Protein backbone atom coordinates (compact mmCIF):
# COMPACT_ATOMS: atom_id res chain seq x y z
CA MET A 1 2.40 93.92 39.56
CA SER A 2 4.10 94.10 42.91
CA LEU A 3 6.69 91.57 43.98
CA VAL A 4 4.38 89.88 46.46
CA MET A 5 1.72 89.31 43.81
CA ARG A 6 4.27 87.89 41.53
CA ALA A 7 5.56 85.55 44.13
CA GLY A 8 2.03 84.56 44.93
CA SER A 9 1.16 83.83 41.25
CA ALA A 10 4.36 81.79 40.91
CA LEU A 11 3.50 79.72 44.02
CA ALA A 12 0.06 79.07 42.58
CA VAL A 13 1.45 77.80 39.34
CA VAL A 14 3.90 75.57 41.19
CA MET A 15 1.09 74.26 43.40
CA LEU A 16 -1.13 73.57 40.31
CA VAL A 17 1.60 71.62 38.45
CA PHE A 18 2.58 69.33 41.46
CA ALA A 19 -0.78 69.02 42.96
CA PRO A 20 -2.24 65.41 42.96
CA ALA A 21 -4.24 64.65 39.78
CA ASP A 22 -7.93 64.54 40.13
CA LYS A 23 -9.11 60.98 39.65
CA SER A 24 -11.55 62.07 37.01
CA TRP A 25 -8.43 62.96 34.81
CA SER A 26 -6.33 60.08 35.73
CA ALA A 27 -5.32 57.63 32.92
CA PRO A 28 -7.53 54.55 32.51
CA LEU A 29 -6.44 51.04 33.71
CA ARG A 30 -4.37 49.39 30.90
CA VAL A 31 -5.19 45.63 30.68
CA MET A 32 -3.66 43.01 28.44
CA SER A 33 -5.32 39.59 27.99
CA LEU A 34 -3.06 36.84 26.74
CA ASP A 35 -5.50 34.20 25.63
CA GLN A 36 -9.22 33.61 24.73
CA CYS A 37 -10.28 32.61 28.31
CA ALA A 38 -8.67 35.69 29.81
CA ASP A 39 -10.51 37.80 27.31
CA GLN A 40 -13.84 36.79 28.60
CA TYR A 41 -12.88 37.68 32.15
CA VAL A 42 -11.42 41.10 31.07
CA LEU A 43 -14.51 41.90 29.04
CA ALA A 44 -17.01 41.08 31.72
CA LEU A 45 -15.08 42.67 34.59
CA ARG A 46 -13.37 45.85 33.07
CA PRO A 47 -15.02 46.67 29.77
CA ASP A 48 -14.34 50.34 30.66
CA ALA A 49 -10.52 49.90 30.77
CA GLU A 50 -8.06 50.48 28.08
CA VAL A 51 -8.01 46.91 26.95
CA ARG A 52 -5.96 44.70 24.58
CA LEU A 53 -7.32 41.32 23.71
CA SER A 54 -5.86 38.11 22.31
CA PRO A 55 -6.17 37.36 18.55
CA ARG A 56 -9.00 34.69 19.37
CA ALA A 57 -11.19 37.14 21.23
CA ASP A 58 -13.97 37.01 18.71
CA ASP A 59 -13.79 33.35 17.59
CA PRO A 60 -17.02 31.55 17.31
CA ASP A 61 -16.34 29.65 20.48
CA ALA A 62 -15.69 32.83 22.53
CA TYR A 63 -18.62 33.40 24.96
CA LEU A 64 -18.41 37.40 24.71
CA ARG A 65 -17.35 37.42 20.97
CA GLU A 66 -19.61 40.29 20.15
CA ALA A 67 -18.32 42.56 22.89
CA ALA A 68 -14.66 41.65 21.85
CA ARG A 69 -15.22 43.40 18.39
CA GLU A 70 -15.14 46.73 20.14
CA HIS A 71 -11.59 46.30 21.32
CA ARG A 72 -8.25 46.09 19.70
CA ARG A 73 -6.43 42.77 19.66
CA ILE A 74 -2.66 42.27 19.94
CA ARG A 75 -0.45 39.04 19.94
CA PRO A 76 0.63 37.83 23.44
CA THR A 77 4.21 38.50 23.00
CA LEU A 78 6.88 40.42 25.02
CA GLU A 79 7.30 42.98 22.15
CA ALA A 80 3.53 43.77 22.37
CA ALA A 81 3.51 44.03 26.05
CA VAL A 82 6.48 46.38 26.02
CA ALA A 83 4.79 48.71 23.47
CA PHE A 84 1.36 48.66 25.31
CA LYS A 85 2.76 49.03 28.92
CA PRO A 86 -0.08 47.35 30.70
CA ASP A 87 -0.89 47.76 34.42
CA VAL A 88 -2.55 44.32 34.69
CA VAL A 89 -2.15 41.19 32.60
CA VAL A 90 -4.66 38.41 32.72
CA ARG A 91 -3.91 34.86 31.52
CA TYR A 92 -5.28 31.39 31.65
CA TRP A 93 -2.64 29.52 29.34
CA GLY A 94 -1.36 32.35 27.17
CA GLY A 95 2.21 33.90 27.14
CA ASP A 96 5.57 32.17 26.82
CA MET A 97 8.28 32.11 29.69
CA ARG A 98 10.13 35.14 28.29
CA LEU A 99 7.13 37.27 28.54
CA LEU A 100 5.96 36.04 31.99
CA SER A 101 9.49 36.49 33.41
CA ARG A 102 9.66 40.16 32.12
CA LEU A 103 6.29 40.98 33.58
CA LYS A 104 7.41 39.59 36.86
CA SER A 105 10.65 41.30 36.84
CA ASP A 106 8.90 44.74 35.90
CA GLY A 107 6.42 44.29 38.85
CA ILE A 108 3.35 44.08 36.59
CA THR A 109 0.30 42.42 38.20
CA VAL A 110 -0.40 39.07 36.52
CA ALA A 111 -3.84 37.54 37.41
CA THR A 112 -3.76 33.85 36.53
CA ILE A 113 -6.88 31.82 35.85
CA ASN A 114 -6.40 28.31 37.22
CA ASP A 115 -7.73 25.07 35.73
CA SER A 116 -10.79 24.13 37.65
CA GLN A 117 -12.63 20.81 38.28
CA ASP A 118 -15.62 22.25 40.09
CA PHE A 119 -17.56 25.48 40.48
CA GLU A 120 -15.69 26.50 43.78
CA GLY A 121 -12.53 26.74 41.58
CA ILE A 122 -14.36 29.00 39.24
CA ARG A 123 -15.48 31.17 42.15
CA GLN A 124 -11.92 31.53 43.21
CA ASN A 125 -10.92 32.47 39.63
CA ILE A 126 -13.50 35.23 39.45
CA GLN A 127 -12.31 36.60 42.85
CA THR A 128 -8.66 36.44 41.89
CA VAL A 129 -9.24 38.24 38.59
CA SER A 130 -11.74 40.80 39.78
CA GLN A 131 -9.50 41.83 42.63
CA ALA A 132 -6.61 42.33 40.38
CA LEU A 133 -8.65 44.47 38.01
CA GLY A 134 -10.29 46.50 40.92
CA ALA A 135 -13.78 45.02 40.06
CA SER A 136 -14.66 43.05 43.03
CA GLU A 137 -18.33 44.08 42.94
CA ARG A 138 -18.69 43.04 39.45
CA GLY A 139 -17.03 39.72 40.30
CA ASP A 140 -19.51 39.11 43.09
CA ASP A 141 -22.27 39.87 40.69
CA LEU A 142 -20.99 37.13 38.26
CA ILE A 143 -20.85 34.67 41.21
CA ARG A 144 -24.18 35.45 42.35
CA ASP A 145 -25.61 34.93 38.76
CA MET A 146 -23.70 31.71 38.48
CA ASP A 147 -24.91 30.36 41.71
CA ALA A 148 -28.47 31.19 40.87
CA LYS A 149 -28.30 29.04 37.65
CA LEU A 150 -26.76 26.29 39.51
CA GLN A 151 -29.57 26.30 42.26
CA ALA A 152 -32.37 26.49 39.61
CA SER A 153 -30.81 23.48 37.63
CA LYS A 154 -30.17 21.39 40.95
CA GLY A 155 -31.59 17.74 40.57
CA ARG A 156 -33.26 18.30 37.25
CA GLY A 157 -31.56 15.21 35.68
CA GLN A 158 -33.11 12.88 38.22
CA GLY A 159 -30.03 10.85 38.54
CA ARG A 160 -30.04 9.57 34.91
CA SER A 161 -26.79 8.42 33.44
CA ALA A 162 -25.27 10.82 30.90
CA THR A 163 -21.97 10.33 28.94
CA TYR A 164 -20.01 13.35 27.54
CA LEU A 165 -18.68 13.18 23.98
CA THR A 166 -16.83 15.56 21.89
CA ALA A 167 -16.57 15.58 17.99
CA SER A 168 -13.10 14.28 18.31
CA GLY A 169 -14.45 11.17 20.34
CA PHE A 170 -13.20 12.12 23.88
CA THR A 171 -15.22 11.86 26.92
CA ALA A 172 -14.78 13.15 30.43
CA GLY A 173 -14.95 11.18 33.87
CA PRO A 174 -14.65 12.28 37.40
CA GLU A 175 -12.19 15.04 38.34
CA THR A 176 -13.05 17.12 35.28
CA LEU A 177 -15.17 20.31 35.07
CA ILE A 178 -17.52 18.33 32.74
CA ASP A 179 -18.22 15.85 35.58
CA SER A 180 -19.23 18.78 37.80
CA VAL A 181 -21.46 20.12 35.02
CA LEU A 182 -23.31 16.80 34.75
CA ARG A 183 -23.66 16.47 38.51
CA ALA A 184 -24.77 20.05 38.91
CA ALA A 185 -27.66 19.42 36.63
CA GLY A 186 -28.61 16.25 38.51
CA PHE A 187 -27.11 13.65 36.33
CA THR A 188 -24.68 10.64 36.98
CA ASN A 189 -21.70 10.48 34.82
CA GLY A 190 -21.65 7.38 32.68
CA THR A 191 -17.85 7.59 32.27
CA LYS A 192 -16.32 6.22 35.39
CA ALA A 193 -12.51 6.55 34.80
CA ALA A 194 -11.15 9.95 36.05
CA GLY A 195 -10.08 12.57 33.53
CA TYR A 196 -10.45 13.01 29.72
CA GLN A 197 -10.06 10.02 27.46
CA PRO A 198 -11.27 8.44 24.24
CA LEU A 199 -14.75 7.08 24.38
CA GLY A 200 -14.08 4.30 21.78
CA LEU A 201 -16.54 2.92 19.27
CA GLU A 202 -16.31 -0.65 20.86
CA ARG A 203 -17.00 0.69 24.27
CA ALA A 204 -19.88 2.85 23.12
CA LEU A 205 -21.53 -0.13 21.28
CA LEU A 206 -21.15 -2.64 24.09
CA ASN A 207 -22.31 -0.29 26.80
CA PRO A 208 -24.41 2.44 25.07
CA PRO A 209 -25.06 5.51 27.05
CA LEU A 210 -28.59 6.30 28.10
CA LEU A 211 -27.97 9.91 27.25
CA PHE A 212 -25.36 11.64 25.07
CA VAL A 213 -24.27 15.03 26.04
CA ARG A 214 -22.18 16.42 23.08
CA GLY A 215 -19.67 19.25 23.03
CA PHE A 216 -18.15 21.04 20.24
CA PHE A 217 -20.25 19.52 17.57
CA GLU A 218 -21.49 22.74 16.19
CA GLN A 219 -17.78 23.56 15.03
CA LEU A 220 -18.15 22.02 11.73
CA MET A 221 -14.67 22.78 10.65
CA ALA A 222 -13.12 21.21 13.73
CA ASP A 223 -12.60 17.49 14.07
CA TRP A 224 -14.97 16.72 11.11
CA ARG A 225 -13.23 13.29 10.72
CA GLY A 226 -13.24 12.78 14.57
CA THR A 227 -14.59 9.58 16.10
CA GLY A 228 -17.44 11.49 17.52
CA ARG A 229 -18.81 11.94 13.97
CA HIS A 230 -18.39 8.20 12.98
CA PRO A 231 -21.49 6.90 11.30
CA VAL A 232 -21.73 4.13 13.78
CA LEU A 233 -21.93 6.60 16.75
CA LYS A 234 -24.12 8.96 14.76
CA GLY A 235 -26.63 6.05 14.39
CA LEU A 236 -26.38 5.26 18.04
CA MET A 237 -26.95 8.84 19.03
CA GLN A 238 -30.08 9.05 16.79
CA LYS A 239 -31.54 6.41 19.23
CA ARG A 240 -30.75 8.12 22.40
CA THR A 241 -31.63 11.50 23.81
CA VAL A 242 -28.98 14.00 22.88
CA ALA A 243 -28.15 17.31 24.69
CA ASP A 244 -25.75 19.75 22.79
CA LEU A 245 -23.71 22.10 24.80
CA PRO A 246 -22.51 25.29 23.03
CA ALA A 247 -18.72 25.32 22.70
CA SER A 248 -18.65 28.89 24.11
CA THR A 249 -19.79 27.46 27.50
CA LEU A 250 -17.00 24.87 27.59
CA THR A 251 -13.72 26.52 26.58
CA CYS A 252 -12.88 28.29 29.83
CA PRO A 253 -13.40 27.65 33.59
CA ALA A 254 -15.58 30.74 34.06
CA TRP A 255 -19.07 31.74 35.34
CA PHE A 256 -20.79 30.99 32.04
CA THR A 257 -20.08 27.23 32.50
CA ALA A 258 -23.27 27.28 34.46
CA ASP A 259 -25.02 27.91 31.17
CA ALA A 260 -24.06 24.51 30.11
CA VAL A 261 -25.77 23.16 33.38
CA THR A 262 -28.86 25.19 32.47
CA THR A 263 -28.85 23.45 29.05
CA LEU A 264 -28.68 20.13 30.41
CA ALA A 265 -31.37 20.92 33.03
CA LYS A 266 -33.81 21.55 30.23
CA VAL A 267 -33.54 18.03 28.67
CA ASP A 268 -36.88 16.25 29.10
CA PRO A 269 -36.94 13.10 31.25
């Protein structure tokens, strides 16, 4: 082989080694989720990524629990993050300050899901996480689907008064996402004080709600001695129309909160 040919071959090898990698051969996006709410966003927006979910990803109250079983789960710790080396971390409440500080110092993208009191806040959450995951189109699809469900449920409650009640005996007034769920289905919130608070047996008996909207009652192992399961309240609820909202639609400020609105909209007048 001539010197020129050898030089040409060597140059070709160098160009092959240092040429930009073809996107089809690039490593998949590595995404770490720090809590159950973040799990739902990651599973819906980037199921094709290399994903590590939180330990609660397939709990009974997880909306996408079936899809979660196809992915590995790790604890939301600094040690787990160092070993996995994520490109993007998604969180709602998960992760301690040591982990969050390290992620920030390492320049890793952290997409935070904020608490939301209304569906506009949920839209912003979807946009924030979908952009961080490079899945804006999928995020837009989730928003369109949510808005379609809200539009179909609008006004169905005909202004009737409804009071939310959990198995532990708590209710929700204005400035809560539950209040937005009730109003989106066309109901008036029977709880007037803002925020989450105990309903109280005396209060329920003196001013019985026209409609009980129950949350987390299907979780038999949770709050089984809670005020919401008290025999007096149980008897009262038997005399009132009751709508049961699946826990999986209530645990996270996400697009599937609209499913709770759809459930309420189907309650007969």
